[in-house]
N, C-alpha and C. Protein backbone atom coordinates (compact mmCIF):
# COMPACT_ATOMS: atom_id res chain seq x y z
N MET A 1 -67.06 27.78 -49.99
CA MET A 1 -65.78 27.42 -49.36
C MET A 1 -65.77 27.19 -47.84
N LYS A 2 -66.25 28.09 -47.24
CA LYS A 2 -66.43 27.78 -45.63
C LYS A 2 -66.97 26.64 -44.96
N PRO A 3 -67.92 26.26 -45.59
CA PRO A 3 -68.85 25.12 -45.36
C PRO A 3 -67.87 23.73 -45.60
N ILE A 4 -67.17 23.74 -46.50
CA ILE A 4 -66.60 22.35 -46.99
C ILE A 4 -65.22 22.45 -45.68
N LYS A 5 -64.66 23.64 -45.65
CA LYS A 5 -63.44 23.73 -44.76
C LYS A 5 -64.30 23.05 -43.13
N LEU A 6 -65.12 23.49 -42.63
CA LEU A 6 -65.81 23.46 -41.49
C LEU A 6 -66.04 22.03 -41.30
N GLY A 7 -66.58 21.40 -42.58
CA GLY A 7 -67.13 20.05 -42.47
C GLY A 7 -65.78 18.98 -42.44
N LEU A 8 -64.63 19.47 -43.16
CA LEU A 8 -63.23 18.59 -43.30
C LEU A 8 -62.74 18.85 -41.84
N ARG A 9 -63.00 19.84 -40.99
CA ARG A 9 -62.14 20.13 -39.76
C ARG A 9 -63.12 18.86 -38.68
N VAL A 10 -64.38 18.90 -39.23
CA VAL A 10 -65.21 18.34 -37.94
C VAL A 10 -64.99 16.82 -38.45
N TRP A 11 -64.64 16.30 -39.70
CA TRP A 11 -64.46 14.78 -39.99
C TRP A 11 -63.47 14.71 -39.40
N ILE A 12 -62.11 15.12 -39.52
CA ILE A 12 -61.00 14.96 -38.93
C ILE A 12 -60.76 15.06 -37.61
N ALA A 13 -61.71 15.60 -36.89
CA ALA A 13 -61.77 15.85 -35.37
C ALA A 13 -62.52 14.46 -34.95
N ILE A 14 -63.65 14.28 -35.40
CA ILE A 14 -64.58 12.95 -35.50
C ILE A 14 -63.66 11.39 -35.55
N THR A 15 -62.93 11.30 -36.81
CA THR A 15 -61.86 10.40 -36.93
C THR A 15 -60.82 10.16 -36.33
N ALA A 16 -60.12 11.33 -35.57
CA ALA A 16 -59.25 11.00 -34.72
C ALA A 16 -59.35 10.58 -33.27
N VAL A 17 -60.98 11.11 -32.79
CA VAL A 17 -61.39 10.83 -31.47
C VAL A 17 -61.92 9.26 -31.83
N VAL A 18 -62.42 8.96 -32.85
CA VAL A 18 -62.41 7.23 -32.71
C VAL A 18 -61.29 6.66 -33.01
N SER A 19 -60.24 6.93 -33.66
CA SER A 19 -59.14 5.86 -33.75
C SER A 19 -58.37 6.01 -32.54
N PHE A 20 -58.38 7.42 -31.89
CA PHE A 20 -57.90 6.80 -30.20
C PHE A 20 -58.57 6.10 -29.63
N LEU A 21 -59.92 6.09 -29.35
CA LEU A 21 -60.74 5.32 -28.58
C LEU A 21 -60.67 3.81 -29.06
N THR A 22 -60.55 3.53 -30.39
CA THR A 22 -60.56 2.08 -30.85
C THR A 22 -59.04 1.63 -30.42
N GLY A 23 -58.02 2.43 -30.71
CA GLY A 23 -56.51 1.90 -30.26
C GLY A 23 -56.24 1.80 -28.67
N TRP A 24 -57.37 2.54 -27.99
CA TRP A 24 -57.17 2.36 -26.48
C TRP A 24 -57.99 0.99 -25.95
N ALA A 25 -59.04 0.71 -26.65
CA ALA A 25 -59.88 -0.54 -26.59
C ALA A 25 -58.93 -1.64 -26.99
N MET A 26 -58.49 -1.68 -28.23
CA MET A 26 -57.46 -2.88 -28.43
C MET A 26 -56.33 -3.07 -27.65
N LEU A 27 -56.00 -2.10 -27.22
CA LEU A 27 -54.62 -2.20 -26.34
C LEU A 27 -55.30 -2.42 -24.80
N ALA A 28 -56.17 -2.32 -24.35
CA ALA A 28 -56.87 -2.68 -22.91
C ALA A 28 -57.00 -4.27 -23.00
N HIS A 29 -57.62 -4.73 -24.32
CA HIS A 29 -58.10 -5.92 -24.70
C HIS A 29 -56.87 -7.04 -24.96
N SER A 30 -55.96 -6.67 -25.29
CA SER A 30 -54.96 -7.36 -25.96
C SER A 30 -54.21 -8.28 -24.68
N GLY A 31 -53.55 -9.40 -25.23
CA GLY A 31 -52.83 -10.36 -24.21
C GLY A 31 -51.88 -9.38 -23.36
N LYS A 32 -51.81 -10.02 -21.90
CA LYS A 32 -50.40 -9.32 -21.64
C LYS A 32 -49.07 -10.03 -21.94
N PRO A 33 -47.92 -9.30 -21.76
CA PRO A 33 -46.45 -9.60 -22.33
C PRO A 33 -46.29 -11.03 -21.14
N ALA A 34 -45.35 -11.90 -21.41
CA ALA A 34 -44.86 -12.77 -20.81
C ALA A 34 -43.90 -12.06 -19.84
N PRO A 35 -43.89 -12.47 -18.34
CA PRO A 35 -42.71 -12.06 -17.72
C PRO A 35 -41.48 -12.47 -18.06
N LEU A 36 -40.58 -11.69 -17.70
CA LEU A 36 -38.75 -11.92 -18.36
C LEU A 36 -38.33 -12.60 -17.26
N SER A 37 -38.57 -12.76 -16.03
CA SER A 37 -38.29 -13.68 -15.00
C SER A 37 -37.98 -15.42 -15.38
N ALA A 38 -37.48 -16.21 -14.85
CA ALA A 38 -37.67 -17.55 -15.08
C ALA A 38 -38.69 -18.40 -14.13
N GLY A 39 -39.85 -17.84 -13.80
CA GLY A 39 -40.53 -18.07 -13.04
C GLY A 39 -41.68 -19.42 -13.16
N VAL A 40 -42.15 -19.28 -14.77
CA VAL A 40 -43.15 -20.19 -15.37
C VAL A 40 -42.38 -21.16 -16.35
N GLY A 41 -42.54 -22.66 -16.08
CA GLY A 41 -42.14 -23.55 -17.17
C GLY A 41 -42.83 -23.43 -18.48
N ALA A 42 -42.51 -24.56 -19.36
CA ALA A 42 -43.07 -24.72 -20.71
C ALA A 42 -44.40 -25.33 -20.47
N GLY A 43 -44.65 -25.84 -19.58
CA GLY A 43 -46.41 -26.30 -19.27
C GLY A 43 -47.16 -25.30 -18.59
N GLY A 44 -46.73 -24.31 -18.22
CA GLY A 44 -47.53 -23.15 -17.57
C GLY A 44 -47.36 -23.30 -15.88
N SER A 45 -46.57 -24.06 -15.19
CA SER A 45 -46.45 -24.47 -13.80
C SER A 45 -45.37 -23.92 -13.52
N PRO A 46 -45.14 -23.24 -12.33
CA PRO A 46 -44.08 -22.48 -11.71
C PRO A 46 -42.99 -23.64 -11.69
N SER A 47 -41.80 -23.23 -11.94
CA SER A 47 -40.50 -24.07 -12.01
C SER A 47 -39.66 -23.30 -11.54
N GLY A 48 -38.37 -24.04 -11.39
CA GLY A 48 -37.08 -23.56 -10.68
C GLY A 48 -36.27 -23.04 -11.80
N SER A 49 -35.24 -22.79 -11.54
CA SER A 49 -34.40 -22.27 -12.93
C SER A 49 -33.81 -23.37 -13.72
N ALA A 50 -34.07 -24.36 -13.61
CA ALA A 50 -33.91 -25.64 -14.40
C ALA A 50 -34.62 -25.48 -15.72
N GLY A 51 -36.01 -25.30 -15.75
CA GLY A 51 -36.75 -25.01 -16.80
C GLY A 51 -37.12 -23.81 -17.29
N GLY A 52 -36.58 -22.82 -16.69
CA GLY A 52 -36.97 -21.56 -17.04
C GLY A 52 -36.36 -20.82 -17.98
N LEU A 53 -36.45 -19.45 -18.41
CA LEU A 53 -35.85 -18.94 -19.56
C LEU A 53 -34.44 -18.42 -18.92
N VAL A 54 -33.79 -18.71 -20.07
CA VAL A 54 -32.14 -18.30 -19.89
C VAL A 54 -31.99 -17.71 -21.00
N LEU A 55 -31.29 -16.34 -20.29
CA LEU A 55 -30.97 -15.06 -21.09
C LEU A 55 -29.59 -15.51 -21.24
N PRO A 56 -28.98 -14.97 -22.67
CA PRO A 56 -27.58 -15.15 -22.92
C PRO A 56 -26.57 -14.31 -22.57
N THR A 57 -25.53 -14.52 -22.00
CA THR A 57 -24.72 -13.33 -21.32
C THR A 57 -23.76 -12.98 -22.48
N LEU A 58 -23.09 -12.01 -22.22
CA LEU A 58 -21.80 -11.34 -23.11
C LEU A 58 -20.77 -11.17 -22.36
N ALA A 59 -19.61 -11.69 -22.83
CA ALA A 59 -18.26 -11.20 -22.54
C ALA A 59 -18.06 -9.69 -22.15
N PRO A 60 -17.24 -9.71 -21.15
CA PRO A 60 -17.02 -8.47 -20.97
C PRO A 60 -16.07 -7.67 -21.80
N ILE A 61 -16.04 -6.06 -21.99
CA ILE A 61 -15.86 -5.30 -23.00
C ILE A 61 -14.34 -5.31 -22.55
N PRO A 62 -13.04 -5.27 -23.15
CA PRO A 62 -11.77 -5.42 -22.92
C PRO A 62 -11.62 -3.76 -22.56
N SER A 63 -10.77 -3.42 -21.46
CA SER A 63 -10.56 -1.83 -21.49
C SER A 63 -9.50 -1.62 -22.32
N LEU A 64 -9.41 0.11 -22.46
CA LEU A 64 -8.30 0.38 -23.63
C LEU A 64 -7.26 0.21 -23.05
N ASN A 65 -6.85 0.08 -21.79
CA ASN A 65 -5.42 -0.44 -21.35
C ASN A 65 -4.84 -1.62 -21.95
N ASN A 66 -5.71 -2.46 -21.94
CA ASN A 66 -5.59 -3.96 -22.43
C ASN A 66 -5.73 -4.20 -23.91
N ALA A 67 -6.12 -3.12 -24.89
CA ALA A 67 -6.51 -3.36 -26.18
C ALA A 67 -5.28 -3.98 -27.11
N GLY A 68 -4.22 -3.26 -26.97
CA GLY A 68 -3.12 -3.54 -27.64
C GLY A 68 -2.11 -4.42 -26.68
N ALA A 69 -2.15 -5.24 -25.55
CA ALA A 69 -1.62 -6.23 -24.90
C ALA A 69 -1.08 -7.25 -25.89
N SER A 70 -2.54 -7.78 -26.47
CA SER A 70 -2.39 -9.01 -26.88
C SER A 70 -1.15 -8.88 -28.56
N ALA A 71 -1.27 -7.90 -28.97
CA ALA A 71 -0.21 -7.50 -30.12
C ALA A 71 0.84 -7.46 -29.75
N SER A 72 2.24 -7.50 -30.83
CA SER A 72 3.34 -7.65 -30.56
C SER A 72 3.85 -6.15 -30.26
N GLN A 73 3.24 -5.22 -30.57
CA GLN A 73 3.90 -4.01 -30.58
C GLN A 73 2.23 -3.28 -30.02
N PRO A 74 2.15 -2.58 -29.24
CA PRO A 74 1.05 -2.20 -28.32
C PRO A 74 0.93 -0.66 -29.85
N GLN A 75 -0.39 -0.53 -29.95
CA GLN A 75 -0.38 0.81 -30.82
C GLN A 75 -1.36 1.75 -30.12
N ALA A 76 -0.65 3.13 -30.02
CA ALA A 76 -1.42 3.91 -29.61
C ALA A 76 -2.31 4.47 -30.30
N LEU A 77 -3.22 5.03 -29.49
CA LEU A 77 -4.43 5.90 -30.35
C LEU A 77 -4.07 7.05 -30.73
N GLN A 78 -4.47 7.47 -32.18
CA GLN A 78 -4.09 8.82 -32.62
C GLN A 78 -5.11 9.47 -32.56
N PRO A 79 -5.15 11.14 -32.14
CA PRO A 79 -6.14 11.89 -32.37
C PRO A 79 -6.44 12.24 -33.63
N LEU A 80 -7.79 12.77 -33.76
CA LEU A 80 -8.45 12.90 -35.16
C LEU A 80 -7.82 14.12 -35.64
N GLN A 81 -7.58 14.27 -36.84
CA GLN A 81 -7.18 15.61 -37.52
C GLN A 81 -8.27 15.95 -38.36
N VAL A 82 -8.68 17.02 -37.91
CA VAL A 82 -9.90 17.83 -38.40
C VAL A 82 -9.25 19.09 -39.53
N GLN A 83 -9.36 19.27 -40.39
CA GLN A 83 -9.02 19.84 -41.34
C GLN A 83 -10.04 21.33 -41.27
N PRO A 84 -9.50 22.32 -40.80
CA PRO A 84 -10.65 23.40 -41.14
C PRO A 84 -11.09 23.69 -42.38
N VAL A 85 -12.28 24.12 -42.80
CA VAL A 85 -12.98 24.56 -43.78
C VAL A 85 -13.03 26.17 -44.05
N PRO A 86 -12.22 26.57 -45.19
CA PRO A 86 -12.02 27.99 -45.37
C PRO A 86 -13.46 28.58 -45.47
N PHE A 87 -13.53 30.00 -44.90
CA PHE A 87 -14.98 30.37 -44.75
C PHE A 87 -15.28 30.75 -46.37
N ASN A 88 -14.20 31.16 -47.27
CA ASN A 88 -14.84 31.63 -48.77
C ASN A 88 -14.95 30.50 -49.22
N SER A 89 -15.04 29.35 -49.09
CA SER A 89 -15.23 28.29 -49.76
C SER A 89 -16.49 28.06 -50.20
N MET A 90 -17.45 28.46 -49.51
CA MET A 90 -18.85 28.21 -49.66
C MET A 90 -19.37 29.36 -50.57
N PRO A 91 -20.27 29.42 -51.43
CA PRO A 91 -20.69 30.31 -52.24
C PRO A 91 -21.77 30.98 -51.37
N SER A 92 -21.84 32.42 -51.79
CA SER A 92 -22.50 33.43 -50.62
C SER A 92 -23.85 33.33 -51.26
N LEU A 93 -25.14 33.52 -50.83
CA LEU A 93 -26.30 33.83 -51.11
C LEU A 93 -26.51 35.47 -50.96
N SER A 94 -27.23 35.99 -52.27
CA SER A 94 -27.46 37.49 -52.19
C SER A 94 -28.80 37.58 -52.83
N THR A 95 -29.49 38.43 -52.54
CA THR A 95 -30.79 38.74 -53.07
C THR A 95 -30.62 40.19 -53.90
N ARG A 96 -31.37 40.35 -54.79
CA ARG A 96 -31.41 41.67 -55.34
C ARG A 96 -32.47 42.77 -54.99
N GLY A 97 -32.71 42.33 -53.73
CA GLY A 97 -34.02 43.24 -52.97
C GLY A 97 -33.07 44.41 -52.68
N SER A 98 -33.89 45.26 -51.86
CA SER A 98 -33.39 46.75 -51.38
C SER A 98 -32.54 46.71 -50.13
C-alpha cells in the first residue's frame, strides 16, 4: 500500500509541475491584447480619433432626490420591515451521548 501511495504522490507532483510550466509557456507565447486607447486604425496605421475605437457612454444615474420628481406624487422610500424569528421555532439537535 505504501509504494502505491508514494507513486501516486510523485505522479501528482510531476503532472502539476509539467502543467504549470506548459501553461506558463503558452501564456508567454500568446498574442498581446489590443490596446484600449484609440491609437491604431483599422489598417494598422496610427490614426486620430476619427478612425479609432469609440467606447459607448452611459447616461448619468439620477439621484434619489430627483427620483420621484417626474411622477405626479413623490414616493417616499419606506424602511425594510424585518420580522424577528422566534428562537424556539427551530428544532434543537440533541445527542444521546454522555
